[in-house]
Amino acid sequence: MRDVSITQDDLYAARIFFNSALPLLKVVIQSKPKIKKKFEKKNLVFQISALYDKAPGGKMATHFVFDRGEITVRVSDIHPRPDIEFIFPDLKKFIIFFSGKGMPLPKMKGIVSNFGSFTAIMQGLLTMAKLLGAQDAPESSEDQELLVKLFFYLLPNGISQLNKAGHEKIHDFALKSPDRAYAFAVTGYPELNSYIRVKEGNSKAGRGEYPRCKPFLTLRFDSVMHALDILMGKGDMVEYMANKYLTVEGAPEFAGVIGEFMLAVAAYAKATYMD
């Protein structure tokens, strides 16, 4: 059945979830020893998909290969025979579910025969959803750092995905850009760093410090909590810059542009365009 209700914004949001947000499940599992331990002896493929008749194979999907403690993420890749699969009937229901705007449950395959693996996967998904959907910063320092890491990994990757999908403002910016890198950092926490490299219409997101040279622009926070204040919409960016909680290294005139692109990713991740 042809779904004629899918909009361009839905496609942008779906790309954010399949290519940027869902892969964070691996980060969550590897950062939580109790959850990670449950996968030490697992050997299976878990897939999340949504039916979409205009996509190759009739659906969009991302799958995870669990191989005795090792996790490989295959973004925008359909596995023909996953051991466990969550299948949404359309992209809108998929977006509504993962943005937290509603609970249209997917069809679930392989649960009975892989119940132990299913419960471990659900624990990882629920932990990720709780962190990303929180209104306030987590209480533990470990979870505070993990949440910053998730945001820092999501945002540059999301910007890159929107560029590749042809988002008008972001792709126009990328087309006009020479080879430049834009980075996100917290002083004293190099493991949280991330960046996006943009050059003549192309873009690539990365984790850690940018390896080639000093980034063209770095948004640097002085602490994990001040980073969370801004990332969670609790603090005022101008005020934080005035107090040196946030410093703009490099080309400050581009901070507003990157900030606008961050908000675009957040709008699709929260599906606020549906409001």
Protein backbone atom coordinates (compact mmCIF):
# COMPACT_ATOMS: atom_id res chain seq x y z
CA MET A 1 0.00 0.00 0.00
CA ARG A 2 1.46 3.35 -1.06
CA ASP A 3 1.93 5.82 1.76
CA VAL A 4 1.38 9.28 0.27
CA SER A 5 1.53 11.09 3.61
CA ILE A 6 5.31 10.99 4.10
CA THR A 7 6.76 14.49 3.88
CA GLN A 8 10.30 15.69 3.21
CA ASP A 9 10.60 16.57 6.90
CA ASP A 10 9.63 12.97 7.76
CA LEU A 11 12.43 11.73 5.52
CA TYR A 12 14.94 14.07 7.19
CA ALA A 13 13.81 12.89 10.63
CA ALA A 14 13.97 9.23 9.59
CA ARG A 15 17.53 9.74 8.37
CA ILE A 16 18.49 11.36 11.69
CA PHE A 17 17.10 8.38 13.61
CA PHE A 18 18.38 5.56 11.42
CA ASN A 19 21.85 7.02 10.77
CA SER A 20 22.59 9.17 13.83
CA ALA A 21 20.41 8.38 16.85
CA LEU A 22 19.93 4.59 16.73
CA PRO A 23 23.69 3.92 16.41
CA LEU A 24 24.06 5.52 19.86
CA LEU A 25 22.67 2.27 21.27
CA LYS A 26 26.17 0.82 20.82
CA VAL A 27 27.66 3.71 22.83
CA VAL A 28 25.14 3.18 25.64
CA ILE A 29 25.72 -0.57 25.83
CA GLN A 30 29.51 -0.18 25.84
CA SER A 31 29.31 2.55 28.51
CA LYS A 32 27.13 0.54 30.91
CA PRO A 33 29.08 -2.44 32.35
CA LYS A 34 25.95 -4.24 33.60
CA ILE A 35 24.31 -4.06 30.17
CA LYS A 36 27.54 -4.74 28.29
CA LYS A 37 28.09 -7.93 30.29
CA LYS A 38 24.79 -9.33 29.03
CA PHE A 39 26.13 -9.33 25.47
CA GLU A 40 29.47 -11.03 26.16
CA LYS A 41 28.20 -14.39 24.86
CA LYS A 42 25.51 -13.15 22.47
CA ASN A 43 25.71 -13.87 18.77
CA LEU A 44 22.77 -12.34 16.91
CA VAL A 45 21.49 -9.64 14.59
CA PHE A 46 18.99 -7.04 15.83
CA GLN A 47 17.23 -4.79 13.32
CA ILE A 48 14.92 -1.80 13.55
CA SER A 49 12.97 -1.04 10.38
CA ALA A 50 10.04 0.97 9.05
CA LEU A 51 8.08 0.16 5.92
CA TYR A 52 8.43 2.72 3.14
CA ASP A 53 7.55 1.70 -0.37
CA LYS A 54 9.82 4.27 -2.04
CA ALA A 55 12.94 2.85 -0.38
CA PRO A 56 14.93 -0.03 -1.88
CA GLY A 57 13.49 -3.25 -0.49
CA GLY A 58 10.32 -1.48 0.60
CA LYS A 59 11.64 -0.33 3.98
CA MET A 60 14.32 1.64 5.78
CA ALA A 61 16.42 -0.06 8.43
CA THR A 62 19.52 -0.08 10.60
CA HIS A 63 20.81 -3.26 12.16
CA PHE A 64 23.26 -4.30 14.87
CA VAL A 65 25.51 -7.35 14.75
CA PHE A 66 26.34 -8.69 18.23
CA ASP A 67 29.28 -11.07 18.14
CA ARG A 68 30.35 -12.18 21.62
CA GLY A 69 30.88 -8.71 23.03
CA GLU A 70 31.68 -6.96 19.77
CA ILE A 71 29.00 -4.70 18.27
CA THR A 72 28.91 -3.62 14.64
CA VAL A 73 26.35 -1.05 13.48
CA ARG A 74 25.10 -1.14 9.88
CA VAL A 75 23.29 2.13 9.25
CA SER A 76 20.66 2.32 6.50
CA ASP A 77 21.30 -1.36 5.77
CA ILE A 78 18.60 -4.04 5.57
CA HIS A 79 19.53 -7.45 6.93
CA PRO A 80 17.53 -10.20 5.19
CA ARG A 81 17.18 -12.49 8.22
CA PRO A 82 17.70 -10.71 11.56
CA ASP A 83 17.26 -12.77 14.71
CA ILE A 84 15.18 -10.01 16.31
CA GLU A 85 13.42 -7.23 14.41
CA PHE A 86 11.19 -4.31 15.34
CA ILE A 87 9.10 -3.43 12.28
CA PHE A 88 7.09 -0.20 12.15
CA PRO A 89 4.23 -0.04 9.62
CA ASP A 90 5.34 3.38 8.32
CA LEU A 91 7.92 6.09 8.84
CA LYS A 92 5.60 8.41 10.75
CA LYS A 93 4.89 5.82 13.45
CA PHE A 94 8.62 5.06 13.64
CA ILE A 95 9.42 8.77 14.14
CA ILE A 96 6.63 9.28 16.67
CA PHE A 97 7.86 6.31 18.72
CA PHE A 98 11.56 7.22 18.81
CA SER A 99 10.96 10.95 19.30
CA GLY A 100 8.86 10.16 22.36
CA LYS A 101 5.74 11.83 20.95
CA GLY A 102 3.67 8.65 21.23
CA MET A 103 3.76 4.87 21.60
CA PRO A 104 2.77 3.25 18.28
CA LEU A 105 4.33 -0.14 19.00
CA PRO A 106 6.12 -2.00 16.21
CA LYS A 107 5.60 -5.58 15.17
CA MET A 108 8.27 -7.63 16.92
CA LYS A 109 9.83 -10.77 15.44
CA GLY A 110 12.09 -13.33 17.09
CA ILE A 111 11.29 -12.43 20.70
CA VAL A 112 10.19 -15.87 21.90
CA SER A 113 13.23 -17.72 20.58
CA ASN A 114 15.65 -14.97 21.70
CA PHE A 115 14.00 -13.70 24.87
CA GLY A 116 17.21 -13.21 26.85
CA SER A 117 18.74 -11.15 24.06
CA PHE A 118 15.49 -9.22 23.64
CA THR A 119 15.45 -8.16 27.31
CA ALA A 120 19.11 -7.06 27.12
CA ILE A 121 18.42 -5.00 23.97
CA MET A 122 15.35 -3.43 25.58
CA GLN A 123 17.42 -2.46 28.61
CA GLY A 124 19.88 -0.69 26.32
CA LEU A 125 17.12 1.06 24.35
CA LEU A 126 15.28 2.18 27.46
CA THR A 127 18.50 3.48 29.03
CA MET A 128 19.25 5.47 25.87
CA ALA A 129 15.68 6.81 25.71
CA LYS A 130 15.75 7.82 29.37
CA LEU A 131 19.00 9.74 28.92
CA LEU A 132 18.11 11.51 25.67
CA GLY A 133 14.55 12.22 26.78
CA ALA A 134 15.43 13.58 30.23
CA GLN A 135 14.26 17.06 31.17
CA ASP A 136 17.00 17.47 33.77
CA ALA A 137 20.64 16.43 33.96
CA PRO A 138 21.32 12.95 35.36
CA GLU A 139 22.41 12.75 38.99
CA SER A 140 25.55 10.64 38.53
CA SER A 141 28.68 12.11 36.98
CA GLU A 142 29.04 8.99 34.81
CA ASP A 143 25.61 9.53 33.27
CA GLN A 144 26.26 13.26 32.87
CA GLU A 145 29.38 12.50 30.83
CA LEU A 146 27.57 9.81 28.86
CA LEU A 147 24.75 12.18 27.97
CA VAL A 148 27.18 14.84 26.75
CA LYS A 149 28.89 12.16 24.67
CA LEU A 150 25.56 11.11 23.16
CA PHE A 151 24.67 14.72 22.28
CA PHE A 152 28.14 15.44 20.91
CA TYR A 153 28.02 12.32 18.75
CA LEU A 154 24.44 12.96 17.59
CA LEU A 155 24.70 16.61 16.61
CA PRO A 156 27.61 16.67 14.12
CA ASN A 157 26.50 13.36 12.63
CA GLY A 158 22.97 14.68 12.33
CA ILE A 159 24.18 17.84 10.58
CA SER A 160 26.18 15.71 8.16
CA GLN A 161 23.19 13.46 7.49
CA LEU A 162 20.96 16.44 6.73
CA ASN A 163 23.59 17.77 4.33
CA LYS A 164 23.75 14.42 2.53
CA ALA A 165 19.97 14.32 2.36
CA GLY A 166 19.92 17.72 0.63
CA HIS A 167 18.54 19.89 3.45
CA GLU A 168 18.37 23.30 1.77
CA LYS A 169 20.17 25.53 4.31
CA ILE A 170 22.72 22.98 5.43
CA HIS A 171 23.56 21.70 1.96
CA ASP A 172 23.83 25.24 0.57
CA PHE A 173 26.28 26.04 3.38
CA ALA A 174 28.28 22.89 2.64
CA LEU A 175 28.44 23.62 -1.09
CA LYS A 176 30.02 27.01 -0.43
CA SER A 177 32.43 25.74 2.22
CA PRO A 178 36.15 25.17 1.73
CA ASP A 179 37.76 22.37 3.74
CA ARG A 180 36.86 23.23 7.33
CA ALA A 181 36.21 21.36 10.58
CA TYR A 182 33.79 22.39 13.32
CA ALA A 183 34.34 20.80 16.72
CA PHE A 184 32.55 20.29 20.04
CA ALA A 185 34.60 19.90 23.23
CA VAL A 186 34.61 19.94 27.03
CA THR A 187 37.90 20.95 28.64
CA GLY A 188 39.51 18.00 30.38
CA TYR A 189 37.30 15.39 28.67
CA PRO A 190 38.90 14.57 25.30
CA GLU A 191 36.86 11.36 25.06
CA LEU A 192 33.70 13.47 24.67
CA ASN A 193 34.97 15.49 21.72
CA SER A 194 33.44 15.31 18.26
CA TYR A 195 33.55 17.22 14.99
CA ILE A 196 32.17 17.62 11.50
CA ARG A 197 34.35 18.23 8.46
CA VAL A 198 32.76 20.09 5.54
CA LYS A 199 34.21 20.58 2.07
CA GLU A 200 32.54 21.65 -1.19
CA GLY A 201 29.19 19.98 -0.51
CA ASN A 202 30.60 16.94 1.26
CA SER A 203 30.60 16.32 5.00
CA LYS A 204 31.79 13.73 7.47
CA ALA A 205 31.28 13.53 11.22
CA GLY A 206 33.88 12.09 13.56
CA ARG A 207 34.41 11.23 17.21
CA GLY A 208 37.33 12.45 19.30
CA GLU A 209 39.65 15.32 18.44
CA TYR A 210 39.91 16.40 14.82
CA PRO A 211 43.13 14.70 13.66
CA ARG A 212 44.31 16.84 10.76
CA CYS A 213 44.77 20.35 12.14
CA LYS A 214 43.20 22.88 14.47
CA PRO A 215 39.46 23.10 13.72
CA PHE A 216 38.14 26.20 12.00
CA LEU A 217 35.71 26.57 14.90
CA THR A 218 35.48 24.85 18.30
CA LEU A 219 32.61 25.27 20.73
CA ARG A 220 34.34 24.51 24.04
CA PHE A 221 32.60 24.16 27.39
CA ASP A 222 34.45 24.52 30.67
CA SER A 223 32.53 21.69 32.38
CA VAL A 224 30.21 18.79 31.69
CA MET A 225 27.32 20.42 33.55
CA HIS A 226 27.61 23.69 31.64
CA ALA A 227 27.61 21.70 28.42
CA LEU A 228 24.44 19.92 29.53
CA ASP A 229 22.81 23.24 30.43
CA ILE A 230 23.14 24.41 26.83
CA LEU A 231 22.48 21.04 25.20
CA MET A 232 19.31 20.57 27.25
CA GLY A 233 18.11 24.13 26.76
CA LYS A 234 18.62 25.13 30.38
CA GLY A 235 21.17 27.89 29.86
CA ASP A 236 21.53 31.02 27.76
CA MET A 237 24.38 30.75 25.25
CA VAL A 238 25.17 34.48 25.26
CA GLU A 239 25.31 34.56 29.07
CA TYR A 240 27.49 31.45 29.19
CA MET A 241 29.91 32.97 26.67
CA ALA A 242 30.08 36.16 28.74
CA ASN A 243 30.93 34.10 31.84
CA LYS A 244 33.49 31.96 29.96
CA TYR A 245 31.45 28.80 30.55
CA LEU A 246 31.45 28.47 26.77
CA THR A 247 34.27 29.76 24.60
CA VAL A 248 34.31 29.99 20.83
CA GLU A 249 37.74 29.15 19.47
CA GLY A 250 38.53 30.06 15.88
CA ALA A 251 35.89 31.87 13.84
CA PRO A 252 33.20 33.18 16.22
CA GLU A 253 31.09 34.54 13.37
CA PHE A 254 30.22 30.95 12.43
CA ALA A 255 29.03 29.97 15.91
CA GLY A 256 25.50 31.13 15.15
CA VAL A 257 25.40 29.13 11.93
CA ILE A 258 26.48 25.90 13.63
CA GLY A 259 24.06 26.64 16.47
CA GLU A 260 21.21 26.95 13.96
CA PHE A 261 22.16 23.60 12.41
CA MET A 262 22.26 22.00 15.87
CA LEU A 263 18.72 23.24 16.47
CA ALA A 264 17.64 21.74 13.14
CA VAL A 265 18.93 18.33 14.19
CA ALA A 266 17.18 18.68 17.55
CA ALA A 267 13.92 19.62 15.84
CA TYR A 268 13.97 16.43 13.79
CA ALA A 269 15.12 14.28 16.71
CA LYS A 270 12.22 15.60 18.80
CA ALA A 271 9.84 15.71 15.81
CA THR A 272 8.78 19.23 16.76
CA TYR A 273 8.06 19.87 13.07
CA MET A 274 4.96 17.71 13.59
CA ASP A 275 3.51 20.10 16.18
